[in-house]
PDB file of N, CA and C in Angstrom:
ATOM      1  N   UNK A   1      51.608 -64.629 -12.945  1.00  0.00           N
ATOM      2  CA  UNK A   1      52.432 -63.652 -12.273  1.00  0.00           C
ATOM      3  C   UNK A   1      53.828 -63.546 -12.878  1.00  0.00           C
ATOM      4  N   UNK A   2      54.486 -64.644 -13.235  1.00  0.00           N
ATOM      5  CA  UNK A   2      55.846 -64.516 -13.778  1.00  0.00           C
ATOM      6  C   UNK A   2      55.918 -63.603 -15.003  1.00  0.00           C
ATOM      7  N   UNK A   3      54.942 -63.675 -15.877  1.00  0.00           N
ATOM      8  CA  UNK A   3      54.961 -62.821 -17.075  1.00  0.00           C
ATOM      9  C   UNK A   3      54.849 -61.347 -16.704  1.00  0.00           C
ATOM     10  N   UNK A   4      54.006 -61.034 -15.734  1.00  0.00           N
ATOM     11  CA  UNK A   4      53.845 -59.639 -15.300  1.00  0.00           C
ATOM     12  C   UNK A   4      55.138 -59.116 -14.681  1.00  0.00           C
ATOM     13  N   UNK A   5      55.818 -59.942 -13.901  1.00  0.00           N
ATOM     14  CA  UNK A   5      57.071 -59.522 -13.268  1.00  0.00           C
ATOM     15  C   UNK A   5      58.161 -59.357 -14.316  1.00  0.00           C
ATOM     16  N   UNK A   6      58.218 -60.254 -15.294  1.00  0.00           N
ATOM     17  CA  UNK A   6      59.201 -60.095 -16.384  1.00  0.00           C
ATOM     18  C   UNK A   6      59.003 -58.749 -17.081  1.00  0.00           C
ATOM     19  N   UNK A   7      57.755 -58.400 -17.340  1.00  0.00           N
ATOM     20  CA  UNK A   7      57.447 -57.130 -18.004  1.00  0.00           C
ATOM     21  C   UNK A   7      57.880 -55.950 -17.129  1.00  0.00           C
ATOM     22  N   UNK A   8      57.605 -56.017 -15.828  1.00  0.00           N
ATOM     23  CA  UNK A   8      58.024 -54.948 -14.918  1.00  0.00           C
ATOM     24  C   UNK A   8      59.537 -54.809 -14.878  1.00  0.00           C
ATOM     25  N   UNK A   9      60.249 -55.933 -14.858  1.00  0.00           N
ATOM     26  CA  UNK A   9      61.715 -55.902 -14.791  1.00  0.00           C
ATOM     27  C   UNK A   9      62.322 -55.273 -16.039  1.00  0.00           C
ATOM     28  N   UNK A  10      61.642 -55.378 -17.165  1.00  0.00           N
ATOM     29  CA  UNK A  10      62.151 -54.795 -18.406  1.00  0.00           C
ATOM     30  C   UNK A  10      61.926 -53.289 -18.459  1.00  0.00           C
ATOM     31  N   UNK A  11      61.054 -52.775 -17.608  1.00  0.00           N
ATOM     32  CA  UNK A  11      60.777 -51.344 -17.570  1.00  0.00           C
ATOM     33  C   UNK A  11      61.853 -50.595 -16.803  1.00  0.00           C
ATOM     34  N   UNK A  12      61.605 -49.330 -16.581  1.00  0.00           N
ATOM     35  CA  UNK A  12      62.593 -48.487 -15.894  1.00  0.00           C
ATOM     36  C   UNK A  12      62.063 -47.993 -14.552  1.00  0.00           C
ATOM     37  N   UNK A  13      61.202 -48.760 -13.930  1.00  0.00           N
ATOM     38  CA  UNK A  13      60.560 -48.321 -12.694  1.00  0.00           C
ATOM     39  C   UNK A  13      61.366 -48.523 -11.430  1.00  0.00           C
ATOM     40  N   UNK A  14      62.522 -49.139 -11.510  1.00  0.00           N
ATOM     41  CA  UNK A  14      63.331 -49.330 -10.304  1.00  0.00           C
ATOM     42  C   UNK A  14      63.200 -50.730  -9.742  1.00  0.00           C
ATOM     43  N   UNK A  15      63.652 -50.890  -8.518  1.00  0.00           N
ATOM     44  CA  UNK A  15      63.674 -52.204  -7.872  1.00  0.00           C
ATOM     45  C   UNK A  15      62.273 -52.680  -7.515  1.00  0.00           C
ATOM     46  N   UNK A  16      62.114 -53.995  -7.490  1.00  0.00           N
ATOM     47  CA  UNK A  16      60.872 -54.633  -7.079  1.00  0.00           C
ATOM     48  C   UNK A  16      61.196 -55.420  -5.817  1.00  0.00           C
ATOM     49  N   UNK A  17      60.453 -55.174  -4.753  1.00  0.00           N
ATOM     50  CA  UNK A  17      60.689 -55.857  -3.482  1.00  0.00           C
ATOM     51  C   UNK A  17      59.488 -56.714  -3.121  1.00  0.00           C
ATOM     52  N   UNK A  18      59.751 -57.849  -2.489  1.00  0.00           N
ATOM     53  CA  UNK A  18      58.698 -58.706  -1.960  1.00  0.00           C
ATOM     54  C   UNK A  18      58.926 -58.801  -0.456  1.00  0.00           C
ATOM     55  N   UNK A  19      57.939 -58.367   0.317  1.00  0.00           N
ATOM     56  CA  UNK A  19      58.032 -58.420   1.779  1.00  0.00           C
ATOM     57  C   UNK A  19      56.883 -59.270   2.311  1.00  0.00           C
ATOM     58  N   UNK A  20      57.220 -60.286   3.069  1.00  0.00           N
ATOM     59  CA  UNK A  20      56.204 -61.018   3.804  1.00  0.00           C
ATOM     60  C   UNK A  20      55.329 -61.961   3.005  1.00  0.00           C
ATOM     61  N   UNK A  21      55.688 -62.285   1.781  1.00  0.00           N
ATOM     62  CA  UNK A  21      54.893 -63.237   1.005  1.00  0.00           C
ATOM     63  C   UNK A  21      55.783 -64.386   0.565  1.00  0.00           C
ATOM     64  N   UNK A  22      55.763 -65.437   1.338  1.00  0.00           N
ATOM     65  CA  UNK A  22      56.584 -66.593   1.049  1.00  0.00           C
ATOM     66  C   UNK A  22      56.233 -67.205  -0.298  1.00  0.00           C
ATOM     67  N   UNK A  23      54.956 -67.323  -0.600  1.00  0.00           N
ATOM     68  CA  UNK A  23      54.548 -67.958  -1.858  1.00  0.00           C
ATOM     69  C   UNK A  23      54.991 -67.143  -3.072  1.00  0.00           C
ATOM     70  N   UNK A  24      54.925 -65.824  -2.993  1.00  0.00           N
ATOM     71  CA  UNK A  24      55.369 -64.980  -4.111  1.00  0.00           C
ATOM     72  C   UNK A  24      56.883 -65.100  -4.270  1.00  0.00           C
ATOM     73  N   UNK A  25      57.618 -65.029  -3.167  1.00  0.00           N
ATOM     74  CA  UNK A  25      59.080 -65.157  -3.238  1.00  0.00           C
ATOM     75  C   UNK A  25      59.483 -66.498  -3.840  1.00  0.00           C
ATOM     76  N   UNK A  26      58.848 -67.571  -3.414  1.00  0.00           N
ATOM     77  CA  UNK A  26      59.165 -68.898  -3.946  1.00  0.00           C
ATOM     78  C   UNK A  26      58.864 -68.979  -5.443  1.00  0.00           C
ATOM     79  N   UNK A  27      57.743 -68.417  -5.862  1.00  0.00           N
ATOM     80  CA  UNK A  27      57.370 -68.446  -7.276  1.00  0.00           C
ATOM     81  C   UNK A  27      58.371 -67.659  -8.123  1.00  0.00           C
ATOM     82  N   UNK A  28      58.789 -66.508  -7.652  1.00  0.00           N
ATOM     83  CA  UNK A  28      59.763 -65.703  -8.388  1.00  0.00           C
ATOM     84  C   UNK A  28      61.117 -66.410  -8.462  1.00  0.00           C
ATOM     85  N   UNK A  29      61.535 -67.033  -7.378  1.00  0.00           N
ATOM     86  CA  UNK A  29      62.777 -67.816  -7.391  1.00  0.00           C
ATOM     87  C   UNK A  29      62.679 -68.958  -8.399  1.00  0.00           C
ATOM     88  N   UNK A  30      61.561 -69.649  -8.386  1.00  0.00           N
ATOM     89  CA  UNK A  30      61.352 -70.800  -9.273  1.00  0.00           C
ATOM     90  C   UNK A  30      61.467 -70.401 -10.744  1.00  0.00           C
ATOM     91  N   UNK A  31      61.070 -69.183 -11.066  1.00  0.00           N
ATOM     92  CA  UNK A  31      61.087 -68.714 -12.453  1.00  0.00           C
ATOM     93  C   UNK A  31      62.335 -67.902 -12.798  1.00  0.00           C
ATOM     94  N   UNK A  32      63.301 -67.869 -11.893  1.00  0.00           N
ATOM     95  CA  UNK A  32      64.546 -67.159 -12.164  1.00  0.00           C
ATOM     96  C   UNK A  32      64.392 -65.651 -12.250  1.00  0.00           C
ATOM     97  N   UNK A  33      63.441 -65.093 -11.510  1.00  0.00           N
ATOM     98  CA  UNK A  33      63.159 -63.666 -11.585  1.00  0.00           C
ATOM     99  C   UNK A  33      63.701 -62.874 -10.399  1.00  0.00           C
ATOM    100  N   UNK A  34      64.536 -63.512  -9.592  1.00  0.00           N
ATOM    101  CA  UNK A  34      65.087 -62.858  -8.410  1.00  0.00           C
ATOM    102  C   UNK A  34      66.547 -62.497  -8.670  1.00  0.00           C
ATOM    103  N   UNK A  35      66.889 -61.235  -8.427  1.00  0.00           N
ATOM    104  CA  UNK A  35      68.266 -60.772  -8.586  1.00  0.00           C
ATOM    105  C   UNK A  35      69.029 -60.807  -7.257  1.00  0.00           C
ATOM    106  N   UNK A  36      68.319 -60.571  -6.163  1.00  0.00           N
ATOM    107  CA  UNK A  36      68.930 -60.556  -4.839  1.00  0.00           C
ATOM    108  C   UNK A  36      67.952 -61.132  -3.828  1.00  0.00           C
ATOM    109  N   UNK A  37      68.526 -61.823  -2.839  1.00  0.00           N
ATOM    110  CA  UNK A  37      67.755 -62.322  -1.704  1.00  0.00           C
ATOM    111  C   UNK A  37      68.351 -61.665  -0.475  1.00  0.00           C
ATOM    112  N   UNK A  38      67.542 -60.930   0.261  1.00  0.00           N
ATOM    113  CA  UNK A  38      68.007 -60.284   1.493  1.00  0.00           C
ATOM    114  C   UNK A  38      67.289 -60.932   2.664  1.00  0.00           C
ATOM    115  N   UNK A  39      68.076 -61.459   3.582  1.00  0.00           N
ATOM    116  CA  UNK A  39      67.522 -62.157   4.740  1.00  0.00           C
ATOM    117  C   UNK A  39      68.031 -61.512   6.013  1.00  0.00           C
ATOM    118  N   UNK A  40      67.167 -61.413   6.997  1.00  0.00           N
ATOM    119  CA  UNK A  40      67.555 -60.972   8.327  1.00  0.00           C
ATOM    120  C   UNK A  40      67.540 -62.199   9.215  1.00  0.00           C
ATOM    121  N   UNK A  41      68.637 -62.444   9.886  1.00  0.00           N
ATOM    122  CA  UNK A  41      68.760 -63.616  10.741  1.00  0.00           C
ATOM    123  C   UNK A  41      68.871 -63.168  12.189  1.00  0.00           C
ATOM    124  N   UNK A  42      67.990 -63.714  13.019  1.00  0.00           N
ATOM    125  CA  UNK A  42      67.994 -63.433  14.442  1.00  0.00           C
ATOM    126  C   UNK A  42      68.295 -64.746  15.157  1.00  0.00           C
ATOM    127  N   UNK A  43      69.536 -64.963  15.593  1.00  0.00           N
ATOM    128  CA  UNK A  43      69.932 -66.254  16.166  1.00  0.00           C
ATOM    129  C   UNK A  43      69.080 -66.725  17.334  1.00  0.00           C
ATOM    130  N   UNK A  44      68.456 -65.830  18.072  1.00  0.00           N
ATOM    131  CA  UNK A  44      67.646 -66.226  19.217  1.00  0.00           C
ATOM    132  C   UNK A  44      66.241 -66.658  18.850  1.00  0.00           C
ATOM    133  N   UNK A  45      65.849 -66.514  17.609  1.00  0.00           N
ATOM    134  CA  UNK A  45      64.486 -66.859  17.194  1.00  0.00           C
ATOM    135  C   UNK A  45      64.321 -68.364  17.141  1.00  0.00           C
ATOM    136  N   UNK A  46      63.191 -68.838  17.648  1.00  0.00           N
ATOM    137  CA  UNK A  46      62.877 -70.264  17.604  1.00  0.00           C
ATOM    138  C   UNK A  46      61.439 -70.433  17.148  1.00  0.00           C
ATOM    139  N   UNK A  47      61.134 -71.611  16.687  1.00  0.00           N
ATOM    140  CA  UNK A  47      59.762 -71.873  16.288  1.00  0.00           C
ATOM    141  C   UNK A  47      59.706 -72.675  15.022  1.00  0.00           C
ATOM    142  N   UNK A  48      58.536 -72.720  14.459  1.00  0.00           N
ATOM    143  CA  UNK A  48      58.317 -73.480  13.240  1.00  0.00           C
ATOM    144  C   UNK A  48      57.676 -72.571  12.213  1.00  0.00           C
ATOM    145  N   UNK A  49      57.745 -72.999  11.001  1.00  0.00           N
ATOM    146  CA  UNK A  49      57.137 -72.241   9.922  1.00  0.00           C
ATOM    147  C   UNK A  49      57.517 -72.856   8.599  1.00  0.00           C
ATOM    148  N   UNK A  50      57.032 -72.254   7.546  1.00  0.00           N
ATOM    149  CA  UNK A  50      57.357 -72.742   6.212  1.00  0.00           C
ATOM    150  C   UNK A  50      58.763 -72.286   5.840  1.00  0.00           C
ATOM    151  N   UNK A  51      59.548 -73.184   5.259  1.00  0.00           N
ATOM    152  CA  UNK A  51      60.889 -72.780   4.823  1.00  0.00           C
ATOM    153  C   UNK A  51      60.814 -71.959   3.535  1.00  0.00           C
ATOM    154  N   UNK A  52      61.716 -71.010   3.389  1.00  0.00           N
ATOM    155  CA  UNK A  52      61.796 -70.241   2.153  1.00  0.00           C
ATOM    156  C   UNK A  52      62.239 -71.132   1.004  1.00  0.00           C
ATOM    157  N   UNK A  53      63.188 -72.007   1.286  1.00  0.00           N
ATOM    158  CA  UNK A  53      63.728 -72.889   0.253  1.00  0.00           C
ATOM    159  C   UNK A  53      63.271 -74.317   0.547  1.00  0.00           C
ATOM    160  N   UNK A  54      62.329 -74.840  -0.230  1.00  0.00           N
ATOM    161  CA  UNK A  54      61.854 -76.201   0.001  1.00  0.00           C
ATOM    162  C   UNK A  54      62.996 -77.215  -0.100  1.00  0.00           C
ATOM    163  N   UNK A  55      62.933 -78.258   0.726  1.00  0.00           N
ATOM    164  CA  UNK A  55      63.977 -79.286   0.741  1.00  0.00           C
ATOM    165  C   UNK A  55      64.114 -79.976  -0.602  1.00  0.00           C
ATOM    166  N   UNK A  56      63.035 -80.030  -1.368  1.00  0.00           N
ATOM    167  CA  UNK A  56      63.053 -80.728  -2.657  1.00  0.00           C
ATOM    168  C   UNK A  56      63.718 -79.914  -3.768  1.00  0.00           C
ATOM    169  N   UNK A  57      64.004 -78.632  -3.513  1.00  0.00           N
ATOM    170  CA  UNK A  57      64.596 -77.769  -4.535  1.00  0.00           C
ATOM    171  C   UNK A  57      65.884 -77.143  -3.995  1.00  0.00           C
ATOM    172  N   UNK A  58      66.931 -77.209  -4.791  1.00  0.00           N
ATOM    173  CA  UNK A  58      68.162 -76.526  -4.419  1.00  0.00           C
ATOM    174  C   UNK A  58      68.201 -75.174  -5.109  1.00  0.00           C
ATOM    175  N   UNK A  59      68.513 -74.147  -4.353  1.00  0.00           N
ATOM    176  CA  UNK A  59      68.637 -72.790  -4.883  1.00  0.00           C
ATOM    177  C   UNK A  59      70.057 -72.328  -4.594  1.00  0.00           C
ATOM    178  N   UNK A  60      70.967 -72.458  -5.579  1.00  0.00           N
ATOM    179  CA  UNK A  60      72.344 -72.028  -5.333  1.00  0.00           C
ATOM    180  C   UNK A  60      72.429 -70.505  -5.212  1.00  0.00           C
ATOM    181  N   UNK A  61      73.055 -70.051  -4.129  1.00  0.00           N
ATOM    182  CA  UNK A  61      73.182 -68.621  -3.849  1.00  0.00           C
ATOM    183  C   UNK A  61      74.634 -68.282  -3.566  1.00  0.00           C
ATOM    184  N   UNK A  62      75.038 -67.081  -3.969  1.00  0.00           N
ATOM    185  CA  UNK A  62      76.371 -66.566  -3.658  1.00  0.00           C
ATOM    186  C   UNK A  62      76.211 -65.413  -2.671  1.00  0.00           C
ATOM    187  N   UNK A  63      76.962 -65.458  -1.585  1.00  0.00           N
ATOM    188  CA  UNK A  63      76.895 -64.398  -0.581  1.00  0.00           C
ATOM    189  C   UNK A  63      77.480 -63.104  -1.144  1.00  0.00           C
ATOM    190  N   UNK A  64      76.711 -62.034  -1.084  1.00  0.00           N
ATOM    191  CA  UNK A  64      77.145 -60.720  -1.555  1.00  0.00           C
ATOM    192  C   UNK A  64      77.654 -59.890  -0.372  1.00  0.00           C
ATOM    193  N   UNK A  65      76.895 -59.908   0.721  1.00  0.00           N
ATOM    194  CA  UNK A  65      77.307 -59.138   1.894  1.00  0.00           C
ATOM    195  C   UNK A  65      76.671 -59.711   3.157  1.00  0.00           C
ATOM    196  N   UNK A  66      77.315 -59.406   4.274  1.00  0.00           N
ATOM    197  CA  UNK A  66      76.802 -59.762   5.594  1.00  0.00           C
ATOM    198  C   UNK A  66      77.083 -58.591   6.515  1.00  0.00           C
ATOM    199  N   UNK A  67      76.041 -58.049   7.111  1.00  0.00           N
ATOM    200  CA  UNK A  67      76.200 -56.887   7.983  1.00  0.00           C
ATOM    201  C   UNK A  67      75.568 -57.176   9.346  1.00  0.00           C
ATOM    202  N   UNK A  68      76.403 -57.274  10.391  1.00  0.00           N
ATOM    203  CA  UNK A  68      75.849 -57.527  11.724  1.00  0.00           C
ATOM    204  C   UNK A  68      75.137 -56.291  12.266  1.00  0.00           C
ATOM    205  N   UNK A  69      74.121 -56.533  13.075  1.00  0.00           N
ATOM    206  CA  UNK A  69      73.476 -55.461  13.819  1.00  0.00           C
ATOM    207  C   UNK A  69      73.268 -55.959  15.242  1.00  0.00           C
ATOM    208  N   UNK A  70      72.630 -55.195  16.097  1.00  0.00           N
ATOM    209  CA  UNK A  70      72.622 -55.485  17.536  1.00  0.00           C
ATOM    210  C   UNK A  70      72.123 -56.874  17.916  1.00  0.00           C
ATOM    211  N   UNK A  71      71.180 -57.436  17.195  1.00  0.00           N
ATOM    212  CA  UNK A  71      70.653 -58.750  17.593  1.00  0.00           C
ATOM    213  C   UNK A  71      70.568 -59.747  16.436  1.00  0.00           C
ATOM    214  N   UNK A  72      71.376 -59.549  15.415  1.00  0.00           N
ATOM    215  CA  UNK A  72      71.347 -60.490  14.300  1.00  0.00           C
ATOM    216  C   UNK A  72      72.286 -60.070  13.187  1.00  0.00           C
ATOM    217  N   UNK A  73      71.959 -60.510  11.993  1.00  0.00           N
ATOM    218  CA  UNK A  73      72.782 -60.181  10.830  1.00  0.00           C
ATOM    219  C   UNK A  73      71.885 -60.048   9.607  1.00  0.00           C
ATOM    220  N   UNK A  74      72.227 -59.099   8.746  1.00  0.00           N
ATOM    221  CA  UNK A  74      71.540 -58.930   7.467  1.00  0.00           C
ATOM    222  C   UNK A  74      72.413 -59.563   6.393  1.00  0.00           C
ATOM    223  N   UNK A  75      71.853 -60.481   5.658  1.00  0.00           N
ATOM    224  CA  UNK A  75      72.588 -61.207   4.620  1.00  0.00           C
ATOM    225  C   UNK A  75      71.990 -60.899   3.258  1.00  0.00           C
ATOM    226  N   UNK A  76      72.856 -60.714   2.272  1.00  0.00           N
ATOM    227  CA  UNK A  76      72.392 -60.497   0.903  1.00  0.00           C
ATOM    228  C   UNK A  76      73.053 -61.519  -0.004  1.00  0.00           C
ATOM    229  N   UNK A  77      72.246 -62.194  -0.791  1.00  0.00           N
ATOM    230  CA  UNK A  77      72.706 -63.236  -1.695  1.00  0.00           C
ATOM    231  C   UNK A  77      72.251 -62.929  -3.122  1.00  0.00           C
ATOM    232  N   UNK A  78      72.984 -63.449  -4.090  1.00  0.00           N
ATOM    233  CA  UNK A  78      72.582 -63.409  -5.493  1.00  0.00           C
ATOM    234  C   UNK A  78      72.408 -64.851  -5.953  1.00  0.00           C
ATOM    235  N   UNK A  79      71.292 -65.152  -6.604  1.00  0.00           N
ATOM    236  CA  UNK A  79      71.153 -66.501  -7.168  1.00  0.00           C
ATOM    237  C   UNK A  79      72.271 -66.781  -8.170  1.00  0.00           C
ATOM    238  N   UNK A  80      72.805 -67.991  -8.127  1.00  0.00           N
ATOM    239  CA  UNK A  80      73.844 -68.419  -9.046  1.00  0.00           C
ATOM    240  C   UNK A  80      73.160 -69.046 -10.237  1.00  0.00           C
ATOM    241  N   UNK A  81      73.406 -68.489 -11.401  1.00  0.00           N
ATOM    242  CA  UNK A  81      72.784 -68.989 -12.625  1.00  0.00           C
ATOM    243  C   UNK A  81      73.674 -70.070 -13.218  1.00  0.00           C
ATOM    244  N   UNK A  82      73.098 -71.252 -13.376  1.00  0.00           N
ATOM    245  CA  UNK A  82      73.851 -72.365 -13.950  1.00  0.00           C
ATOM    246  C   UNK A  82      74.132 -72.094 -15.430  1.00  0.00           C
ATOM    247  N   UNK A  83      75.366 -72.271 -15.806  1.00  0.00           N
ATOM    248  CA  UNK A  83      75.747 -72.067 -17.202  1.00  0.00           C
ATOM    249  C   UNK A  83      75.950 -73.430 -17.852  1.00  0.00           C
ATOM    250  N   UNK A  84      75.378 -73.594 -19.034  1.00  0.00           N
ATOM    251  CA  UNK A  84      75.541 -74.897 -19.701  1.00  0.00           C
ATOM    252  C   UNK A  84      76.564 -74.857 -20.791  1.00  0.00           C
TER     253      UNK A  84
END
């Protein structure tokens, strides 16, 4: 999958979105193929589930924007690329 996404990103087809697939999002993050992470946060939500960011992996993100709405907030982050 990473090779196919790299090829798509080099084309002129526009943005690529991933909705509702945790495993695809994690794989794209792992391969450095994510330009933006958009999260909707609902403070009243409770429960359990798989985390987007596994505890064993750090994903440095820079906050781009935060927009409140009636029952939560929309957050947009950009992955921080480590420079050597």
